[in-house]
Amino acid sequence: NNKTTFQDTKFQSHHHTNYLITMTASLIIIAFCLCSLIPHSVIAVCDNLCSGRGTCQADDVCKCYDNWGVGLTHTSGDCSDRICPYELAWVDKPNYKGTFHGYAECAGRGVCNRETGECQCFDGYEGKACSRTSCPNDCSGHGTCEFIDDLTYKTVHGDYSIQGFSDEAQTFTYHDWDSRKTRGCVCDPTYADVDCSKRMCGYGTDPLDTRDNLLMPLKYQTQQLVFQSSINNCQNEGKTFALKFTSTMNEVYTTIPIAMSCTSLELNDFVHDVQLALLNLPNQVINGITVAGSLDPSGYYVHLNVTFTGCYNEGPQHIIEVVDYECSNGCTPKLTGINMNHMYYRASSNVSQIQVPDFASYECGRRGKCDYTTGECKCFEGYGGPICGVQTLIV
């Protein structure tokens, strides 16, 4: 019986050992399987390591740095594409509130280069994010490309208002969506058209133009300059100002300094100085003029009547501008300036037309055709002169 018991015990021990080995192997296999089921996010690995342009989040999605993304929607992806600048869209669909011109990449007028992050603008657009228009033909090299905000009303200040002295044409505050976006050409003198490609021809009176009433004296344009001082005009005695004249070809000429005078004894000399200053402008831009002056007894007003009588100035002329501010060292012409009351009440000192001329002013005198490549008039048969103002054949 004892022998049988020992063998049984040995068998049981061997069987227990095999059971432990089997159980250990099963546990190792189970542990391996469980390890294989652990999510990869424990150690995040984003696509292409976010291209070095972002940080990898716990869900293996890149959080791109500013101006980096992927595709048209700019989702993160692997952050390998650049995002181009945004500007107010030229044209876009309305938002929920029905408003337009939201921000768009390249302003909707260019294609983004994802390698460089720069907009490749369509023809007619330029600048960062294609935010502004180009000017036609770059103004042909004969003008400057200006924003709509900076474009002026006509040519001189007097075209807009006769009140006050100013040597700058009138501009207006502009706040529409295309402010600082749309641009146009401002042509150099003697050039015209939307792209400044045409040379201007001279303007003059039609030699066959007739007046309605030949019994009345011929009328020339007369402009009146009124100087009203904020103090007695004699306090401006000897101080200097200048006059600026813009021709029909948009050429701007400024006179030499003119010394102010307010006494009746010196009035004639003052009137003569103004007349000579205008007549001595270059190129005979004013080739005939008369000036008459008067003083107000109070000493606060000086009136000058300037009448254009030259054959080059028979029709309407631009309003003369008064340069009354100080223009000191390094300025041409050098002026002390005169203290005029328009600084405080603009209805006082002014320049206005007080007599309308009998004749109009036409390109090539209406008796020729302008050659816009040369700026010269090709007169019709029977007419001649620089502006076709001379009748050479009477039929």
Foldseek 3Di string as FASTA:
>chain_A
DVVVVVVVVVVVVVVVVVVVVVVVVVVVVVVVVVVVPDDPLVPADAVVCLVVQFHQDSVNFTDGDPQFADDPVRHRRSRQFGFADWDFAPFDAADPVRDHRDIDQLSPAFDADRVPNATDGDQQFDDGSSQAGQAVVNLVPFWHKAWPQPDFDPAACVVPPFFAFDGHGDGDGDDDPCGVHYIWTDGHFQFDDRSSQFGAAAKFAQLPDDFPDPVDDFAFWKKKWKFFFPDQQVVQAQFWKWKWFAAPSRDIWIFAIQGDDQDPVCVVVSQVSNVCRVCPTPPSSQVDKHKDWDHDPVRRIIMIMITRDDRSRRADGDWMGMGQDADDPPGPPGGRGGHGCCVPPRRGTGMDIPTHGRTHMDQLNVQFDADRNVNATDGDPQFDDRSRNHGNDDD
